[in-house]
Amino acid sequence: MPEKWNKIESDYCDIDLVSQYLYMLLRNLAILFCVLIITQVSNAQSVNLKILRGDSKIGYIHVEKTSTDDSTAFISKSKLTFRMIWKYEWSSTVSSVLKNEMMDWSRLTSFLNDKPRDDKHTFYKGGKYSSYDFDDQQEDIEERIDFTTLMMYYEEPSNIKRLYSERFQKMVSIERLDQHSYKIDFPNGDVNHYHYDAAGELLKVDAFRTWFDLVFVPEKS
């Protein structure tokens, strides 16, 4: 191939790469703007949970749900401190926005001892969901998403068979254990059991992990 064509092809690839990064930058700025606006809405509903390891409180989860005419936003912030030979501090922020009862985008960032561990974002475009972990593109999702793990803090999934995991950027199955209890097996082997009262309000989450088990319990105001 002539040298000039190699240069044209190289320039085209550079332009295409720049356009992709520019699109992602603008998309992230739009997401941040939407979060800032939506979280100012006065009808925010909040849930505070303590994270227990045995009888000891080692962290917290704070979740907020806000609604506008056609959108519902869920945002959670969590932090926990634990020791396995060394002391670790883990924190995360997770957000999802549904428009017209379908997820429009989600974002998850996490840190371990102040070092970035995850930066995952998923957005709906062109009839499917595109997902990225930092700048690495993940597998697209063509399935409709109308229920996510963040929504489990507010709503009992009575008739839900599959839902979206913001953490793993995948659809996962949910299994009914009994009348008001449900089980989710996550791709990495983690298991959560969600328990609700007769009115559909969350009572607790049993989180089974590789090294230790946790319980998330709502704190009454």
Protein backbone atom coordinates (compact mmCIF):
# COMPACT_ATOMS: atom_id res chain seq x y z
CA MET A 1 0.00 0.00 0.00
CA PRO A 2 1.41 3.46 -0.90
CA GLU A 3 2.79 5.47 2.01
CA LYS A 4 0.20 8.24 1.55
CA TRP A 5 -2.64 5.71 1.97
CA ASN A 6 -1.04 4.37 5.14
CA LYS A 7 -0.94 7.92 6.47
CA ILE A 8 -4.59 8.56 5.52
CA GLU A 9 -5.67 5.30 7.16
CA SER A 10 -3.67 6.16 10.31
CA ASP A 11 -5.14 9.67 10.44
CA TYR A 12 -8.65 8.27 10.00
CA CYS A 13 -8.16 5.80 12.86
CA ASP A 14 -6.85 8.61 15.08
CA ILE A 15 -9.88 10.77 14.25
CA ASP A 16 -12.25 7.86 14.93
CA LEU A 17 -10.55 7.16 18.28
CA VAL A 18 -10.71 10.82 19.29
CA SER A 19 -14.41 10.97 18.38
CA GLN A 20 -15.11 7.96 20.59
CA TYR A 21 -13.30 9.51 23.56
CA LEU A 22 -15.05 12.84 22.96
CA TYR A 23 -18.42 11.11 22.90
CA MET A 24 -17.65 9.30 26.17
CA LEU A 25 -16.47 12.54 27.80
CA LEU A 26 -19.63 14.40 26.80
CA ARG A 27 -21.76 11.46 27.91
CA ASN A 28 -20.09 11.37 31.33
CA LEU A 29 -20.51 15.12 31.74
CA ALA A 30 -24.19 14.77 30.86
CA ILE A 31 -24.54 11.96 33.41
CA LEU A 32 -22.88 14.07 36.10
CA PHE A 33 -25.15 17.01 35.27
CA CYS A 34 -28.26 14.82 35.45
CA VAL A 35 -27.20 13.40 38.81
CA LEU A 36 -26.59 16.87 40.22
CA ILE A 37 -29.97 18.10 39.00
CA ILE A 38 -31.99 15.04 40.01
CA THR A 39 -30.51 14.88 43.50
CA GLN A 40 -31.83 18.38 44.15
CA VAL A 41 -35.44 17.23 43.72
CA SER A 42 -37.33 17.64 46.97
CA ASN A 43 -39.15 14.28 46.87
CA ALA A 44 -36.00 12.22 47.48
CA GLN A 45 -36.52 9.00 49.44
CA SER A 46 -33.50 7.77 51.38
CA VAL A 47 -32.57 4.44 52.93
CA ASN A 48 -29.70 4.05 55.39
CA LEU A 49 -28.28 0.62 56.13
CA LYS A 50 -25.56 -0.49 58.52
CA ILE A 51 -23.13 -3.18 57.41
CA LEU A 52 -22.58 -5.83 60.08
CA ARG A 53 -19.84 -8.43 60.32
CA GLY A 54 -21.02 -10.59 63.16
CA ASP A 55 -22.19 -8.16 65.84
CA SER A 56 -19.82 -5.38 64.75
CA LYS A 57 -20.77 -2.49 62.50
CA ILE A 58 -18.02 -2.08 59.91
CA GLY A 59 -19.68 0.25 57.42
CA TYR A 60 -22.78 1.81 55.92
CA ILE A 61 -24.83 2.11 52.74
CA HIS A 62 -26.78 5.29 51.97
CA VAL A 63 -29.26 5.09 49.08
CA GLU A 64 -31.42 7.83 47.58
CA LYS A 65 -34.29 7.59 45.11
CA THR A 66 -35.53 10.70 43.31
CA SER A 67 -38.19 11.08 40.63
CA THR A 68 -39.17 13.57 37.96
CA ASP A 69 -42.01 13.36 35.44
CA ASP A 70 -40.39 10.66 33.30
CA SER A 71 -37.20 9.68 35.17
CA THR A 72 -36.25 7.89 38.36
CA ALA A 73 -32.71 8.01 39.72
CA PHE A 74 -31.10 5.72 42.29
CA ILE A 75 -27.80 6.67 43.90
CA SER A 76 -25.96 4.77 46.62
CA LYS A 77 -22.79 5.54 48.54
CA SER A 78 -21.18 2.90 50.71
CA LYS A 79 -18.08 2.48 52.80
CA LEU A 80 -16.70 -0.32 54.93
CA THR A 81 -13.51 -1.00 56.86
CA PHE A 82 -12.27 -4.52 57.55
CA ARG A 83 -9.10 -6.35 58.47
CA MET A 84 -7.57 -9.47 56.92
CA ILE A 85 -3.99 -9.34 58.24
CA TRP A 86 -3.90 -5.72 56.98
CA LYS A 87 -6.55 -3.06 57.31
CA TYR A 88 -8.64 -2.28 54.22
CA GLU A 89 -11.08 0.51 53.46
CA TRP A 90 -13.46 0.05 50.55
CA SER A 91 -15.89 2.67 49.21
CA SER A 92 -18.18 2.89 46.21
CA THR A 93 -20.73 5.08 44.49
CA VAL A 94 -23.41 3.49 42.30
CA SER A 95 -26.07 5.26 40.25
CA SER A 96 -28.77 4.24 37.80
CA VAL A 97 -31.34 6.31 35.95
CA LEU A 98 -34.53 4.92 34.42
CA LYS A 99 -36.44 6.87 31.80
CA ASN A 100 -39.98 5.80 30.97
CA GLU A 101 -39.46 2.72 33.17
CA MET A 102 -36.36 1.53 31.27
CA MET A 103 -32.77 1.97 32.38
CA ASP A 104 -31.03 4.74 30.46
CA TRP A 105 -27.59 4.51 32.08
CA SER A 106 -25.69 3.37 35.15
CA ARG A 107 -22.33 4.18 36.71
CA LEU A 108 -20.20 2.53 39.40
CA THR A 109 -16.90 3.71 40.87
CA SER A 110 -15.07 2.03 43.72
CA PHE A 111 -11.86 2.54 45.66
CA LEU A 112 -9.76 0.28 47.88
CA ASN A 113 -7.51 2.19 50.28
CA ASP A 114 -8.08 5.30 48.12
CA LYS A 115 -6.87 3.54 44.96
CA PRO A 116 -9.36 3.22 42.04
CA ARG A 117 -10.68 -0.32 41.57
CA ASP A 118 -13.68 0.15 39.26
CA ASP A 119 -15.05 2.76 36.89
CA LYS A 120 -17.95 1.09 35.15
CA HIS A 121 -20.54 2.83 33.02
CA THR A 122 -23.36 1.49 30.88
CA PHE A 123 -25.66 3.47 28.61
CA TYR A 124 -28.47 2.82 26.18
CA LYS A 125 -27.79 3.71 22.55
CA GLY A 126 -28.95 2.32 19.23
CA GLY A 127 -31.29 -0.28 20.68
CA LYS A 128 -28.74 -1.87 23.00
CA TYR A 129 -26.64 -1.18 26.10
CA SER A 130 -22.94 -0.45 25.71
CA SER A 131 -20.75 -1.03 28.76
CA TYR A 132 -17.24 0.10 29.68
CA ASP A 133 -14.93 -0.67 32.60
CA PHE A 134 -12.57 2.29 32.60
CA ASP A 135 -11.94 2.48 28.82
CA ASP A 136 -12.32 -1.24 28.09
CA GLN A 137 -15.53 -2.07 26.28
CA GLN A 138 -17.51 -4.95 27.77
CA GLU A 139 -20.11 -7.22 26.21
CA ASP A 140 -23.17 -5.39 24.87
CA ILE A 141 -26.60 -6.12 26.35
CA GLU A 142 -29.54 -6.29 23.96
CA GLU A 143 -32.06 -7.32 26.62
CA ARG A 144 -34.44 -4.66 27.97
CA ILE A 145 -33.44 -3.49 31.46
CA ASP A 146 -36.30 -2.34 33.69
CA PHE A 147 -35.07 -3.54 37.10
CA THR A 148 -31.63 -3.25 38.74
CA THR A 149 -29.97 -4.28 41.99
CA LEU A 150 -30.23 -0.72 43.34
CA MET A 151 -34.01 -0.95 43.09
CA MET A 152 -33.97 -3.94 45.47
CA TYR A 153 -33.53 -1.51 48.38
CA TYR A 154 -36.93 0.05 47.61
CA GLU A 155 -39.06 -2.61 45.98
CA GLU A 156 -39.71 -6.28 46.54
CA PRO A 157 -39.07 -8.08 43.21
CA SER A 158 -42.27 -10.10 43.38
CA ASN A 159 -42.59 -10.81 39.66
CA ILE A 160 -38.98 -10.28 38.56
CA LYS A 161 -37.00 -13.15 37.04
CA ARG A 162 -33.93 -11.27 35.82
CA LEU A 163 -32.38 -7.93 36.71
CA TYR A 164 -29.32 -5.85 35.91
CA SER A 165 -26.27 -5.82 38.19
CA GLU A 166 -24.53 -2.43 38.13
CA ARG A 167 -21.47 -4.03 39.71
CA PHE A 168 -21.00 -6.78 37.13
CA GLN A 169 -22.62 -5.02 34.15
CA LYS A 170 -24.63 -8.15 33.42
CA MET A 171 -28.16 -9.48 33.66
CA VAL A 172 -28.49 -11.93 36.56
CA SER A 173 -31.26 -14.30 37.60
CA ILE A 174 -33.20 -13.94 40.83
CA GLU A 175 -34.63 -16.93 42.69
CA ARG A 176 -37.53 -16.87 45.16
CA LEU A 177 -36.60 -18.61 48.42
CA ASP A 178 -39.95 -18.21 50.15
CA GLN A 179 -42.85 -15.77 50.16
CA HIS A 180 -40.78 -12.63 50.80
CA SER A 181 -37.17 -13.78 50.39
CA TYR A 182 -35.03 -13.86 47.24
CA LYS A 183 -31.60 -15.07 46.20
CA ILE A 184 -29.15 -13.67 43.67
CA ASP A 185 -26.03 -15.59 42.59
CA PHE A 186 -23.51 -13.15 41.15
CA PRO A 187 -20.96 -14.08 38.45
CA ASN A 188 -17.98 -14.08 40.88
CA GLY A 189 -19.62 -16.50 43.33
CA ASP A 190 -21.00 -13.88 45.76
CA VAL A 191 -24.54 -14.58 46.95
CA ASN A 192 -27.13 -12.16 48.36
CA HIS A 193 -30.38 -13.06 50.14
CA TYR A 194 -32.94 -10.24 50.28
CA HIS A 195 -35.69 -10.37 52.91
CA TYR A 196 -38.85 -8.22 52.92
CA ASP A 197 -41.86 -7.80 55.20
CA ALA A 198 -45.46 -8.34 54.12
CA ALA A 199 -45.69 -4.74 52.91
CA GLY A 200 -42.68 -5.17 50.60
CA GLU A 201 -40.26 -3.16 52.75
CA LEU A 202 -36.68 -4.40 52.95
CA LEU A 203 -35.83 -6.06 56.28
CA LYS A 204 -32.23 -7.12 55.66
CA VAL A 205 -29.74 -8.45 53.13
CA ASP A 206 -27.54 -11.45 53.89
CA ALA A 207 -24.36 -11.11 51.84
CA PHE A 208 -22.27 -14.28 51.58
CA ARG A 209 -18.67 -13.60 50.55
CA THR A 210 -15.53 -15.68 50.10
CA TRP A 211 -13.72 -14.59 53.25
CA PHE A 212 -16.59 -13.52 55.51
CA ASP A 213 -20.34 -12.94 55.52
CA LEU A 214 -22.09 -9.62 56.02
CA VAL A 215 -25.57 -8.41 56.86
CA PHE A 216 -27.08 -5.12 55.63
CA VAL A 217 -29.78 -3.88 57.99
CA PRO A 218 -31.88 -0.71 57.47
CA GLU A 219 -31.48 1.82 60.25
CA LYS A 220 -34.76 3.25 61.45
CA SER A 221 -34.92 7.03 61.70
